[in-house]
Amino acid sequence: MDSDGGAEDLGPGDGLTPRQRETLDRLGAPRSTRPVFADGIARQLRADLEADLAPHLELLPEGRTLFVSKHALATVHACEERWRSDEVHDTFTILPPIVVGSVAHKAIELSLNRRSPATPGRLVDRALERLSASDEWMSDWLRDCDEDDRAEVRGEAIARVSAFEDAWPPLSHTWRPVTEVRMRAELAAGRVILQGRPDLVLGRAEGMRAGKVVVDFKTGNVALHHRDDLRFYALVETLRAGVPPRVVATSYLDSGQLHPEAVTAGLLDAAAARVADGIARMLAILHGGAEAVRRPSGACRWCRELEQCPPGRAHLDDAGP
């Protein structure tokens, strides 16, 4: 997101709301202020990560690949037993709240690439049509769900698109906005694959001068692991592209709040250490016979192991309704 190009036409009479102007001001940066990273930062991060992982990869059966996502990392660092259960059962129940995010993201993608504006309702309807006809994971559900579930998805998706428009200024094509960018970095000759799909990426790097801004949209309350999720994306992008992003940010649509964080070498080192620790525990639990640690939290109410987890039930009982 370049305040030297693309944003220069926006002034006091630009029609932006205070919240949109704040978003623009907090994410934009003149080229002269953007950090220039050391050449080889990605090679060093990769070498350090692979060295940390080497003794643990002895547990990974030959021919197997460990896929690591932000969700898997957040879960194993929060409650190892919940992560273990998800890995073992490998099941995924599609519910309206889960589908809402994908529909809203598709609608936002359409809004960014249309030559003429459209209302949030129209964008969501077009997104529903496109996704129903696609081979995405929710396409069968969208085609077969009952009218009430579809109405719930549509209403919540419209609310999210409206909240996005309230908080974000119109995105100039010069900012190179791209939604749901697939990121992937292979480690240890492909035995470990880090993968992610941030909601929005803006800008581009110039040589080793950082320029990208990586954004995730969230509803609900601020959570500490949201910051770790974005740091994971910064690490994957660095390993993939060779240049770190300039900023990572969580955009809370319900409140309109934006939580940006500048990417530094220290941030990337911390993200790499967290990834290495998480992978070490994953391999130890799956293939090394280690016992998964139970760490009760509010997330216990959605865990498939709740009925067999006294600490989780006790935690929810103490927390109340």
C-alpha atoms as a PDB file:
ATOM      1  CA  MET A   1       0.000   0.000   0.000  1.00  0.00           C
ATOM      2  CA  ASP A   2       1.903   2.991  -1.305  1.00  0.00           C
ATOM      3  CA  SER A   3       1.319   6.491  -0.008  1.00  0.00           C
ATOM      4  CA  ASP A   4       3.685   7.719  -2.745  1.00  0.00           C
ATOM      5  CA  GLY A   5       1.477   6.290  -5.485  1.00  0.00           C
ATOM      6  CA  GLY A   6      -2.212   5.496  -5.455  1.00  0.00           C
ATOM      7  CA  ALA A   7      -3.082   7.394  -2.310  1.00  0.00           C
ATOM      8  CA  GLU A   8      -1.784  10.783  -3.377  1.00  0.00           C
ATOM      9  CA  ASP A   9      -5.143  11.782  -4.842  1.00  0.00           C
ATOM     10  CA  LEU A  10      -6.943  11.276  -1.533  1.00  0.00           C
ATOM     11  CA  GLY A  11      -7.258  14.432   0.508  1.00  0.00           C
ATOM     12  CA  PRO A  12      -9.666  16.079   2.972  1.00  0.00           C
ATOM     13  CA  GLY A  13     -12.412  16.084   0.345  1.00  0.00           C
ATOM     14  CA  ASP A  14     -11.874  12.510  -0.764  1.00  0.00           C
ATOM     15  CA  GLY A  15     -15.155  11.255   0.682  1.00  0.00           C
ATOM     16  CA  LEU A  16     -13.490   8.829   3.100  1.00  0.00           C
ATOM     17  CA  THR A  17     -14.925   8.281   6.556  1.00  0.00           C
ATOM     18  CA  PRO A  18     -12.640   8.821   9.565  1.00  0.00           C
ATOM     19  CA  ARG A  19     -12.287   5.047   9.973  1.00  0.00           C
ATOM     20  CA  GLN A  20     -11.339   4.569   6.324  1.00  0.00           C
ATOM     21  CA  ARG A  21      -8.856   7.424   6.542  1.00  0.00           C
ATOM     22  CA  GLU A  22      -7.343   5.856   9.680  1.00  0.00           C
ATOM     23  CA  THR A  23      -6.902   2.537   7.895  1.00  0.00           C
ATOM     24  CA  LEU A  24      -5.183   4.275   5.003  1.00  0.00           C
ATOM     25  CA  ASP A  25      -2.914   6.298   7.284  1.00  0.00           C
ATOM     26  CA  ARG A  26      -1.880   3.312   9.404  1.00  0.00           C
ATOM     27  CA  LEU A  27      -1.032   1.013   6.495  1.00  0.00           C
ATOM     28  CA  GLY A  28       0.378   3.450   3.956  1.00  0.00           C
ATOM     29  CA  ALA A  29       4.084   4.337   3.951  1.00  0.00           C
ATOM     30  CA  PRO A  30       6.343   6.411   1.710  1.00  0.00           C
ATOM     31  CA  ARG A  31       8.937   4.328  -0.096  1.00  0.00           C
ATOM     32  CA  SER A  32      11.761   6.097   1.755  1.00  0.00           C
ATOM     33  CA  THR A  33      10.517   4.828   5.130  1.00  0.00           C
ATOM     34  CA  ARG A  34      10.179   1.175   4.194  1.00  0.00           C
ATOM     35  CA  PRO A  35      12.695  -1.256   5.677  1.00  0.00           C
ATOM     36  CA  VAL A  36      15.407  -2.837   3.560  1.00  0.00           C
ATOM     37  CA  PHE A  37      16.241  -6.344   4.748  1.00  0.00           C
ATOM     38  CA  ALA A  38      19.581  -8.075   4.499  1.00  0.00           C
ATOM     39  CA  ASP A  39      20.111 -10.148   1.398  1.00  0.00           C
ATOM     40  CA  GLY A  40      19.920 -13.800   2.407  1.00  0.00           C
ATOM     41  CA  ILE A  41      17.505 -13.347   5.326  1.00  0.00           C
ATOM     42  CA  ALA A  42      15.283 -16.083   3.920  1.00  0.00           C
ATOM     43  CA  ARG A  43      18.216 -18.484   3.468  1.00  0.00           C
ATOM     44  CA  GLN A  44      19.299 -17.956   7.056  1.00  0.00           C
ATOM     45  CA  LEU A  45      15.779 -18.451   8.419  1.00  0.00           C
ATOM     46  CA  ARG A  46      15.434 -21.652   6.417  1.00  0.00           C
ATOM     47  CA  ALA A  47      18.807 -22.967   7.558  1.00  0.00           C
ATOM     48  CA  ASP A  48      18.041 -22.225  11.213  1.00  0.00           C
ATOM     49  CA  LEU A  49      14.590 -23.794  10.998  1.00  0.00           C
ATOM     50  CA  GLU A  50      15.839 -26.943   9.313  1.00  0.00           C
ATOM     51  CA  ALA A  51      18.633 -27.282  11.882  1.00  0.00           C
ATOM     52  CA  ASP A  52      16.114 -26.991  14.729  1.00  0.00           C
ATOM     53  CA  LEU A  53      13.802 -29.528  13.079  1.00  0.00           C
ATOM     54  CA  ALA A  54      16.427 -32.091  12.072  1.00  0.00           C
ATOM     55  CA  PRO A  55      16.442 -34.177  15.297  1.00  0.00           C
ATOM     56  CA  HIS A  56      12.644 -34.228  15.452  1.00  0.00           C
ATOM     57  CA  LEU A  57      12.193 -35.246  11.821  1.00  0.00           C
ATOM     58  CA  GLU A  58      13.763 -38.595  12.683  1.00  0.00           C
ATOM     59  CA  LEU A  59      10.322 -39.456  14.096  1.00  0.00           C
ATOM     60  CA  LEU A  60       8.513 -38.730  10.815  1.00  0.00           C
ATOM     61  CA  PRO A  61       7.979 -41.993   8.879  1.00  0.00           C
ATOM     62  CA  GLU A  62       9.744 -42.223   5.541  1.00  0.00           C
ATOM     63  CA  GLY A  63       7.593 -40.969   2.699  1.00  0.00           C
ATOM     64  CA  ARG A  64       5.308 -38.932   4.991  1.00  0.00           C
ATOM     65  CA  THR A  65       4.880 -35.157   4.802  1.00  0.00           C
ATOM     66  CA  LEU A  66       3.811 -32.947   7.693  1.00  0.00           C
ATOM     67  CA  PHE A  67       1.561 -30.086   6.602  1.00  0.00           C
ATOM     68  CA  VAL A  68       1.535 -27.129   8.992  1.00  0.00           C
ATOM     69  CA  SER A  69      -1.045 -24.324   8.936  1.00  0.00           C
ATOM     70  CA  LYS A  70      -1.698 -21.360  11.208  1.00  0.00           C
ATOM     71  CA  HIS A  71      -4.703 -23.202  12.654  1.00  0.00           C
ATOM     72  CA  ALA A  72      -2.682 -26.319  13.453  1.00  0.00           C
ATOM     73  CA  LEU A  73       0.009 -24.261  15.150  1.00  0.00           C
ATOM     74  CA  ALA A  74      -2.482 -22.222  17.158  1.00  0.00           C
ATOM     75  CA  THR A  75      -4.255 -25.397  18.260  1.00  0.00           C
ATOM     76  CA  VAL A  76      -1.170 -27.398  19.280  1.00  0.00           C
ATOM     77  CA  HIS A  77       0.171 -24.440  21.272  1.00  0.00           C
ATOM     78  CA  ALA A  78      -3.230 -23.969  22.937  1.00  0.00           C
ATOM     79  CA  CYS A  79      -4.351 -27.562  23.655  1.00  0.00           C
ATOM     80  CA  GLU A  80      -2.332 -30.475  22.346  1.00  0.00           C
ATOM     81  CA  GLU A  81      -5.147 -32.947  22.973  1.00  0.00           C
ATOM     82  CA  ARG A  82      -7.567 -31.002  20.818  1.00  0.00           C
ATOM     83  CA  TRP A  83      -4.967 -30.836  18.048  1.00  0.00           C
ATOM     84  CA  ARG A  84      -4.255 -34.570  18.347  1.00  0.00           C
ATOM     85  CA  SER A  85      -7.955 -35.387  18.123  1.00  0.00           C
ATOM     86  CA  ASP A  86      -8.394 -33.222  15.027  1.00  0.00           C
ATOM     87  CA  GLU A  87      -5.413 -34.922  13.356  1.00  0.00           C
ATOM     88  CA  VAL A  88      -6.522 -38.449  14.193  1.00  0.00           C
ATOM     89  CA  HIS A  89     -10.167 -38.033  13.209  1.00  0.00           C
ATOM     90  CA  ASP A  90      -9.435 -35.764  10.214  1.00  0.00           C
ATOM     91  CA  THR A  91     -13.106 -34.849   9.930  1.00  0.00           C
ATOM     92  CA  PHE A  92     -14.613 -31.488   9.143  1.00  0.00           C
ATOM     93  CA  THR A  93     -18.228 -30.575   9.764  1.00  0.00           C
ATOM     94  CA  ILE A  94     -19.504 -27.784   7.534  1.00  0.00           C
ATOM     95  CA  LEU A  95     -21.750 -25.362   9.388  1.00  0.00           C
ATOM     96  CA  PRO A  96     -23.199 -21.986   8.326  1.00  0.00           C
ATOM     97  CA  PRO A  97     -20.769 -19.886  10.446  1.00  0.00           C
ATOM     98  CA  ILE A  98     -17.827 -21.618   8.744  1.00  0.00           C
ATOM     99  CA  VAL A  99     -19.193 -20.998   5.254  1.00  0.00           C
ATOM    100  CA  VAL A 100     -19.875 -17.321   5.956  1.00  0.00           C
ATOM    101  CA  GLY A 101     -16.195 -16.397   5.907  1.00  0.00           C
ATOM    102  CA  SER A 102     -15.538 -17.920   2.499  1.00  0.00           C
ATOM    103  CA  VAL A 103     -18.630 -16.311   0.976  1.00  0.00           C
ATOM    104  CA  ALA A 104     -17.716 -12.902   2.395  1.00  0.00           C
ATOM    105  CA  HIS A 105     -14.126 -13.215   1.149  1.00  0.00           C
ATOM    106  CA  LYS A 106     -15.323 -14.114  -2.339  1.00  0.00           C
ATOM    107  CA  ALA A 107     -17.687 -11.128  -2.314  1.00  0.00           C
ATOM    108  CA  ILE A 108     -14.841  -8.826  -1.246  1.00  0.00           C
ATOM    109  CA  GLU A 109     -12.673 -10.274  -4.022  1.00  0.00           C
ATOM    110  CA  LEU A 110     -15.403  -9.471  -6.546  1.00  0.00           C
ATOM    111  CA  SER A 111     -15.716  -5.936  -5.185  1.00  0.00           C
ATOM    112  CA  LEU A 112     -11.984  -5.340  -5.647  1.00  0.00           C
ATOM    113  CA  ASN A 113     -11.994  -6.461  -9.265  1.00  0.00           C
ATOM    114  CA  ARG A 114     -15.280  -5.075 -10.594  1.00  0.00           C
ATOM    115  CA  ARG A 115     -15.197  -2.080 -12.914  1.00  0.00           C
ATOM    116  CA  SER A 116     -18.549  -0.877 -11.580  1.00  0.00           C
ATOM    117  CA  PRO A 117     -19.646  -0.750  -7.919  1.00  0.00           C
ATOM    118  CA  ALA A 118     -22.250  -3.077  -6.451  1.00  0.00           C
ATOM    119  CA  THR A 119     -24.099  -3.299  -3.153  1.00  0.00           C
ATOM    120  CA  PRO A 120     -22.945  -5.802  -0.511  1.00  0.00           C
ATOM    121  CA  GLY A 121     -26.122  -7.826  -1.126  1.00  0.00           C
ATOM    122  CA  ARG A 122     -25.447  -8.060  -4.845  1.00  0.00           C
ATOM    123  CA  LEU A 123     -21.809  -8.994  -4.255  1.00  0.00           C
ATOM    124  CA  VAL A 124     -22.779 -11.751  -1.828  1.00  0.00           C
ATOM    125  CA  ASP A 125     -25.397 -13.139  -4.224  1.00  0.00           C
ATOM    126  CA  ARG A 126     -22.795 -13.291  -6.995  1.00  0.00           C
ATOM    127  CA  ALA A 127     -20.338 -14.931  -4.590  1.00  0.00           C
ATOM    128  CA  LEU A 128     -22.923 -17.565  -3.647  1.00  0.00           C
ATOM    129  CA  GLU A 129     -23.552 -18.293  -7.311  1.00  0.00           C
ATOM    130  CA  ARG A 130     -19.852 -18.603  -8.117  1.00  0.00           C
ATOM    131  CA  LEU A 131     -19.029 -20.792  -5.115  1.00  0.00           C
ATOM    132  CA  SER A 132     -22.049 -23.066  -5.653  1.00  0.00           C
ATOM    133  CA  ALA A 133     -20.838 -23.766  -9.194  1.00  0.00           C
ATOM    134  CA  SER A 134     -17.193 -24.268  -8.172  1.00  0.00           C
ATOM    135  CA  ASP A 135     -15.254 -27.241  -6.817  1.00  0.00           C
ATOM    136  CA  GLU A 136     -14.514 -25.487  -3.505  1.00  0.00           C
ATOM    137  CA  TRP A 137     -14.966 -27.410  -0.266  1.00  0.00           C
ATOM    138  CA  MET A 138     -18.347 -25.783   0.491  1.00  0.00           C
ATOM    139  CA  SER A 139     -19.887 -26.033  -2.996  1.00  0.00           C
ATOM    140  CA  ASP A 140     -21.943 -29.197  -2.339  1.00  0.00           C
ATOM    141  CA  TRP A 141     -23.171 -27.769   0.959  1.00  0.00           C
ATOM    142  CA  LEU A 142     -24.297 -24.546  -0.748  1.00  0.00           C
ATOM    143  CA  ARG A 143     -26.174 -26.479  -3.423  1.00  0.00           C
ATOM    144  CA  ASP A 144     -27.904 -28.824  -0.970  1.00  0.00           C
ATOM    145  CA  CYS A 145     -28.464 -26.746   2.193  1.00  0.00           C
ATOM    146  CA  ASP A 146     -31.956 -25.730   3.244  1.00  0.00           C
ATOM    147  CA  GLU A 147     -33.313 -22.232   2.710  1.00  0.00           C
ATOM    148  CA  ASP A 148     -32.830 -21.170   6.336  1.00  0.00           C
ATOM    149  CA  ASP A 149     -29.123 -22.109   6.378  1.00  0.00           C
ATOM    150  CA  ARG A 150     -28.574 -20.323   3.072  1.00  0.00           C
ATOM    151  CA  ALA A 151     -30.377 -17.241   4.389  1.00  0.00           C
ATOM    152  CA  GLU A 152     -28.212 -17.285   7.520  1.00  0.00           C
ATOM    153  CA  VAL A 153     -25.032 -17.458   5.432  1.00  0.00           C
ATOM    154  CA  ARG A 154     -26.242 -14.695   3.111  1.00  0.00           C
ATOM    155  CA  GLY A 155     -27.213 -12.343   5.941  1.00  0.00           C
ATOM    156  CA  GLU A 156     -23.966 -12.787   7.875  1.00  0.00           C
ATOM    157  CA  ALA A 157     -21.863 -12.466   4.719  1.00  0.00           C
ATOM    158  CA  ILE A 158     -23.616  -9.207   3.769  1.00  0.00           C
ATOM    159  CA  ALA A 159     -22.906  -7.888   7.267  1.00  0.00           C
ATOM    160  CA  ARG A 160     -19.199  -8.709   6.890  1.00  0.00           C
ATOM    161  CA  VAL A 161     -18.912  -7.133   3.451  1.00  0.00           C
ATOM    162  CA  SER A 162     -20.666  -4.017   4.756  1.00  0.00           C
ATOM    163  CA  ALA A 163     -18.276  -3.923   7.728  1.00  0.00           C
ATOM    164  CA  PHE A 164     -15.325  -4.228   5.348  1.00  0.00           C
ATOM    165  CA  GLU A 165     -16.573  -1.276   3.298  1.00  0.00           C
ATOM    166  CA  ASP A 166     -17.076   0.762   6.471  1.00  0.00           C
ATOM    167  CA  ALA A 167     -13.506   0.188   7.661  1.00  0.00           C
ATOM    168  CA  TRP A 168     -11.556   0.111   4.394  1.00  0.00           C
ATOM    169  CA  PRO A 169     -11.123   2.814   1.756  1.00  0.00           C
ATOM    170  CA  PRO A 170     -11.604   1.905  -1.913  1.00  0.00           C
ATOM    171  CA  LEU A 171      -8.466  -0.056  -2.836  1.00  0.00           C
ATOM    172  CA  SER A 172      -6.612   1.401  -5.786  1.00  0.00           C
ATOM    173  CA  HIS A 173      -5.296  -1.044  -8.372  1.00  0.00           C
ATOM    174  CA  THR A 174      -1.870   0.518  -7.815  1.00  0.00           C
ATOM    175  CA  TRP A 175      -1.842  -1.121  -4.374  1.00  0.00           C
ATOM    176  CA  ARG A 176      -2.050  -4.548  -6.100  1.00  0.00           C
ATOM    177  CA  PRO A 177      -4.793  -5.948  -3.829  1.00  0.00           C
ATOM    178  CA  VAL A 178      -5.137  -9.735  -3.953  1.00  0.00           C
ATOM    179  CA  THR A 179      -7.513 -11.800  -1.793  1.00  0.00           C
ATOM    180  CA  GLU A 180      -6.905 -15.257  -0.316  1.00  0.00           C
ATOM    181  CA  VAL A 181      -3.344 -15.575  -1.598  1.00  0.00           C
ATOM    182  CA  ARG A 182      -1.977 -19.114  -1.334  1.00  0.00           C
ATOM    183  CA  MET A 183       1.398 -19.218   0.426  1.00  0.00           C
ATOM    184  CA  ARG A 184       3.577 -22.307   0.687  1.00  0.00           C
ATOM    185  CA  ALA A 185       7.117 -22.967   1.887  1.00  0.00           C
ATOM    186  CA  GLU A 186       8.830 -26.369   1.831  1.00  0.00           C
ATOM    187  CA  LEU A 187      11.388 -27.375   4.445  1.00  0.00           C
ATOM    188  CA  ALA A 188      13.716 -30.369   4.721  1.00  0.00           C
ATOM    189  CA  ALA A 189      13.395 -31.395   1.080  1.00  0.00           C
ATOM    190  CA  GLY A 190       9.613 -31.214   1.252  1.00  0.00           C
ATOM    191  CA  ARG A 191       9.154 -33.324   4.393  1.00  0.00           C
ATOM    192  CA  VAL A 192       7.548 -30.320   6.120  1.00  0.00           C
ATOM    193  CA  ILE A 193       5.305 -27.885   4.278  1.00  0.00           C
ATOM    194  CA  LEU A 194       4.178 -24.599   5.787  1.00  0.00           C
ATOM    195  CA  GLN A 195       1.042 -23.276   4.116  1.00  0.00           C
ATOM    196  CA  GLY A 196      -1.306 -20.353   4.519  1.00  0.00           C
ATOM    197  CA  ARG A 197      -3.976 -18.304   2.829  1.00  0.00           C
ATOM    198  CA  PRO A 198      -4.215 -14.731   4.152  1.00  0.00           C
ATOM    199  CA  ASP A 199      -7.374 -12.810   3.415  1.00  0.00           C
ATOM    200  CA  LEU A 200      -5.761  -9.822   1.693  1.00  0.00           C
ATOM    201  CA  VAL A 201      -2.289  -8.882   0.441  1.00  0.00           C
ATOM    202  CA  LEU A 202      -1.411  -5.372  -0.726  1.00  0.00           C
ATOM    203  CA  GLY A 203       1.685  -3.966  -2.398  1.00  0.00           C
ATOM    204  CA  ARG A 204       4.932  -5.545  -3.551  1.00  0.00           C
ATOM    205  CA  ALA A 205       8.613  -5.650  -2.686  1.00  0.00           C
ATOM    206  CA  GLU A 206      11.338  -3.833  -4.609  1.00  0.00           C
ATOM    207  CA  GLY A 207      14.548  -5.798  -4.345  1.00  0.00           C
ATOM    208  CA  MET A 208      15.107  -6.290  -0.609  1.00  0.00           C
ATOM    209  CA  ARG A 209      12.956  -3.252   0.236  1.00  0.00           C
ATOM    210  CA  ALA A 210       9.784  -4.560   1.893  1.00  0.00           C
ATOM    211  CA  GLY A 211       6.478  -3.437   0.438  1.00  0.00           C
ATOM    212  CA  LYS A 212       3.778  -6.029   1.044  1.00  0.00           C
ATOM    213  CA  VAL A 213       1.048  -5.701   3.652  1.00  0.00           C
ATOM    214  CA  VAL A 214      -0.591  -8.961   4.765  1.00  0.00           C
ATOM    215  CA  VAL A 215      -4.066  -8.725   6.330  1.00  0.00           C
ATOM    216  CA  ASP A 216      -6.439 -11.154   8.012  1.00  0.00           C
ATOM    217  CA  PHE A 217     -10.086 -10.243   8.663  1.00  0.00           C
ATOM    218  CA  LYS A 218     -11.623 -11.311  11.964  1.00  0.00           C
ATOM    219  CA  THR A 219     -14.965 -10.998  13.688  1.00  0.00           C
ATOM    220  CA  GLY A 220     -15.450 -11.090  17.423  1.00  0.00           C
ATOM    221  CA  ASN A 221     -12.883 -10.291  20.084  1.00  0.00           C
ATOM    222  CA  VAL A 222      -9.154  -9.733  19.900  1.00  0.00           C
ATOM    223  CA  ALA A 223      -7.147 -12.891  20.632  1.00  0.00           C
ATOM    224  CA  LEU A 224      -3.404 -13.249  21.177  1.00  0.00           C
ATOM    225  CA  HIS A 225      -3.082 -16.039  18.645  1.00  0.00           C
ATOM    226  CA  HIS A 226      -4.323 -13.703  15.888  1.00  0.00           C
ATOM    227  CA  ARG A 227      -0.989 -11.884  16.166  1.00  0.00           C
ATOM    228  CA  ASP A 228       0.868 -15.206  15.978  1.00  0.00           C
ATOM    229  CA  ASP A 229      -1.175 -16.176  12.901  1.00  0.00           C
ATOM    230  CA  LEU A 230       0.023 -13.060  11.071  1.00  0.00           C
ATOM    231  CA  ARG A 231       3.615 -13.632  12.149  1.00  0.00           C
ATOM    232  CA  PHE A 232       3.370 -17.142  10.703  1.00  0.00           C
ATOM    233  CA  TYR A 233       2.221 -15.652   7.406  1.00  0.00           C
ATOM    234  CA  ALA A 234       5.163 -13.240   7.484  1.00  0.00           C
ATOM    235  CA  LEU A 235       7.549 -16.175   7.932  1.00  0.00           C
ATOM    236  CA  VAL A 236       5.992 -18.222   5.127  1.00  0.00           C
ATOM    237  CA  GLU A 237       6.020 -15.236   2.773  1.00  0.00           C
ATOM    238  CA  THR A 238       9.687 -14.588   3.576  1.00  0.00           C
ATOM    239  CA  LEU A 239      10.674 -18.202   2.920  1.00  0.00           C
ATOM    240  CA  ARG A 240       8.581 -18.243  -0.261  1.00  0.00           C
ATOM    241  CA  ALA A 241       9.511 -14.901  -1.802  1.00  0.00           C
ATOM    242  CA  GLY A 242      12.883 -14.192  -0.196  1.00  0.00           C
ATOM    243  CA  VAL A 243      11.727 -10.779   1.077  1.00  0.00           C
ATOM    244  CA  PRO A 244       9.647 -10.220   4.234  1.00  0.00           C
ATOM    245  CA  PRO A 245       6.398  -8.270   4.085  1.00  0.00           C
ATOM    246  CA  ARG A 246       6.510  -4.741   5.471  1.00  0.00           C
ATOM    247  CA  VAL A 247       3.520  -5.006   7.792  1.00  0.00           C
ATOM    248  CA  VAL A 248       1.061  -7.642   8.977  1.00  0.00           C
ATOM    249  CA  ALA A 249      -2.336  -6.575  10.315  1.00  0.00           C
ATOM    250  CA  THR A 250      -5.507  -7.994  11.769  1.00  0.00           C
ATOM    251  CA  SER A 251      -8.661  -6.118  10.736  1.00  0.00           C
ATOM    252  CA  TYR A 252     -11.505  -6.647  13.225  1.00  0.00           C
ATOM    253  CA  LEU A 253     -14.606  -6.038  11.147  1.00  0.00           C
ATOM    254  CA  ASP A 254     -17.117  -5.884  14.003  1.00  0.00           C
ATOM    255  CA  SER A 255     -15.326  -3.021  15.762  1.00  0.00           C
ATOM    256  CA  GLY A 256     -13.562  -1.502  12.765  1.00  0.00           C
ATOM    257  CA  GLN A 257     -10.271  -1.723  14.661  1.00  0.00           C
ATOM    258  CA  LEU A 258      -6.992  -2.389  12.854  1.00  0.00           C
ATOM    259  CA  HIS A 259      -4.034  -3.986  14.642  1.00  0.00           C
ATOM    260  CA  PRO A 260      -0.918  -3.595  12.449  1.00  0.00           C
ATOM    261  CA  GLU A 261       2.574  -4.810  13.323  1.00  0.00           C
ATOM    262  CA  ALA A 262       5.799  -3.937  11.526  1.00  0.00           C
ATOM    263  CA  VAL A 263       7.772  -6.963  10.365  1.00  0.00           C
ATOM    264  CA  THR A 264      11.329  -7.128  11.700  1.00  0.00           C
ATOM    265  CA  ALA A 265      14.100  -9.714  11.732  1.00  0.00           C
ATOM    266  CA  GLY A 266      13.335 -10.327  15.403  1.00  0.00           C
ATOM    267  CA  LEU A 267       9.670 -10.954  14.649  1.00  0.00           C
ATOM    268  CA  LEU A 268      10.627 -13.521  12.008  1.00  0.00           C
ATOM    269  CA  ASP A 269      13.040 -15.252  14.395  1.00  0.00           C
ATOM    270  CA  ALA A 270      10.285 -15.484  17.020  1.00  0.00           C
ATOM    271  CA  ALA A 271       7.849 -16.867  14.436  1.00  0.00           C
ATOM    272  CA  ALA A 272      10.403 -19.467  13.344  1.00  0.00           C
ATOM    273  CA  ALA A 273      11.013 -20.547  16.952  1.00  0.00           C
ATOM    274  CA  ARG A 274       7.269 -20.951  17.498  1.00  0.00           C
ATOM    275  CA  VAL A 275       6.971 -23.022  14.317  1.00  0.00           C
ATOM    276  CA  ALA A 276       9.882 -25.256  15.352  1.00  0.00           C
ATOM    277  CA  ASP A 277       8.438 -25.781  18.850  1.00  0.00           C
ATOM    278  CA  GLY A 278       5.005 -26.593  17.435  1.00  0.00           C
ATOM    279  CA  ILE A 279       6.338 -29.069  14.881  1.00  0.00           C
ATOM    280  CA  ALA A 280       8.474 -30.758  17.531  1.00  0.00           C
ATOM    281  CA  ARG A 281       5.371 -31.383  19.655  1.00  0.00           C
ATOM    282  CA  MET A 282       3.320 -32.527  16.646  1.00  0.00           C
ATOM    283  CA  LEU A 283       5.901 -35.150  15.720  1.00  0.00           C
ATOM    284  CA  ALA A 284       6.420 -36.257  19.308  1.00  0.00           C
ATOM    285  CA  ILE A 285       2.680 -36.780  19.826  1.00  0.00           C
ATOM    286  CA  LEU A 286       1.911 -38.384  16.462  1.00  0.00           C
ATOM    287  CA  HIS A 287       4.996 -40.530  16.066  1.00  0.00           C
ATOM    288  CA  GLY A 288       7.020 -40.424  19.272  1.00  0.00           C
ATOM    289  CA  GLY A 289       4.545 -41.703  21.838  1.00  0.00           C
ATOM    290  CA  ALA A 290       4.402 -38.425  23.769  1.00  0.00           C
ATOM    291  CA  GLU A 291       1.232 -37.712  25.733  1.00  0.00           C
ATOM    292  CA  ALA A 292      -0.771 -34.741  24.491  1.00  0.00           C
ATOM    293  CA  VAL A 293      -1.108 -32.018  27.123  1.00  0.00           C
ATOM    294  CA  ARG A 294      -4.626 -30.753  27.882  1.00  0.00           C
ATOM    295  CA  ARG A 295      -4.908 -26.984  28.331  1.00  0.00           C
ATOM    296  CA  PRO A 296      -8.528 -25.968  29.076  1.00  0.00           C
ATOM    297  CA  SER A 297      -9.887 -22.725  27.647  1.00  0.00           C
ATOM    298  CA  GLY A 298     -13.073 -21.256  26.237  1.00  0.00           C
ATOM    299  CA  ALA A 299     -12.404 -23.257  23.064  1.00  0.00           C
ATOM    300  CA  CYS A 300     -13.251 -26.448  24.976  1.00  0.00           C
ATOM    301  CA  ARG A 301     -16.933 -25.963  24.166  1.00  0.00           C
ATOM    302  CA  TRP A 302     -16.194 -26.786  20.499  1.00  0.00           C
ATOM    303  CA  CYS A 303     -13.849 -29.732  21.150  1.00  0.00           C
ATOM    304  CA  ARG A 304     -14.918 -33.232  20.147  1.00  0.00           C
ATOM    305  CA  GLU A 305     -13.097 -34.618  23.219  1.00  0.00           C
ATOM    306  CA  LEU A 306     -15.075 -32.556  25.746  1.00  0.00           C
ATOM    307  CA  GLU A 307     -17.117 -35.466  27.111  1.00  0.00           C
ATOM    308  CA  GLN A 308     -13.908 -37.407  27.814  1.00  0.00           C
ATOM    309  CA  CYS A 309     -12.010 -34.409  29.220  1.00  0.00           C
ATOM    310  CA  PRO A 310     -12.618 -33.674  32.938  1.00  0.00           C
ATOM    311  CA  PRO A 311     -10.338 -30.591  32.931  1.00  0.00           C
ATOM    312  CA  GLY A 312     -12.233 -29.134  29.997  1.00  0.00           C
ATOM    313  CA  ARG A 313     -15.648 -29.736  31.552  1.00  0.00           C
ATOM    314  CA  ALA A 314     -14.503 -28.313  34.883  1.00  0.00           C
ATOM    315  CA  HIS A 315     -13.152 -25.213  33.164  1.00  0.00           C
ATOM    316  CA  LEU A 316     -16.447 -24.557  31.371  1.00  0.00           C
ATOM    317  CA  ASP A 317     -18.432 -25.196  34.549  1.00  0.00           C
ATOM    318  CA  ASP A 318     -16.310 -22.628  36.401  1.00  0.00           C
ATOM    319  CA  ALA A 319     -16.628 -20.137  33.543  1.00  0.00           C
ATOM    320  CA  GLY A 320     -20.420 -20.345  33.580  1.00  0.00           C
ATOM    321  CA  PRO A 321     -22.763 -19.741  30.619  1.00  0.00           C
END
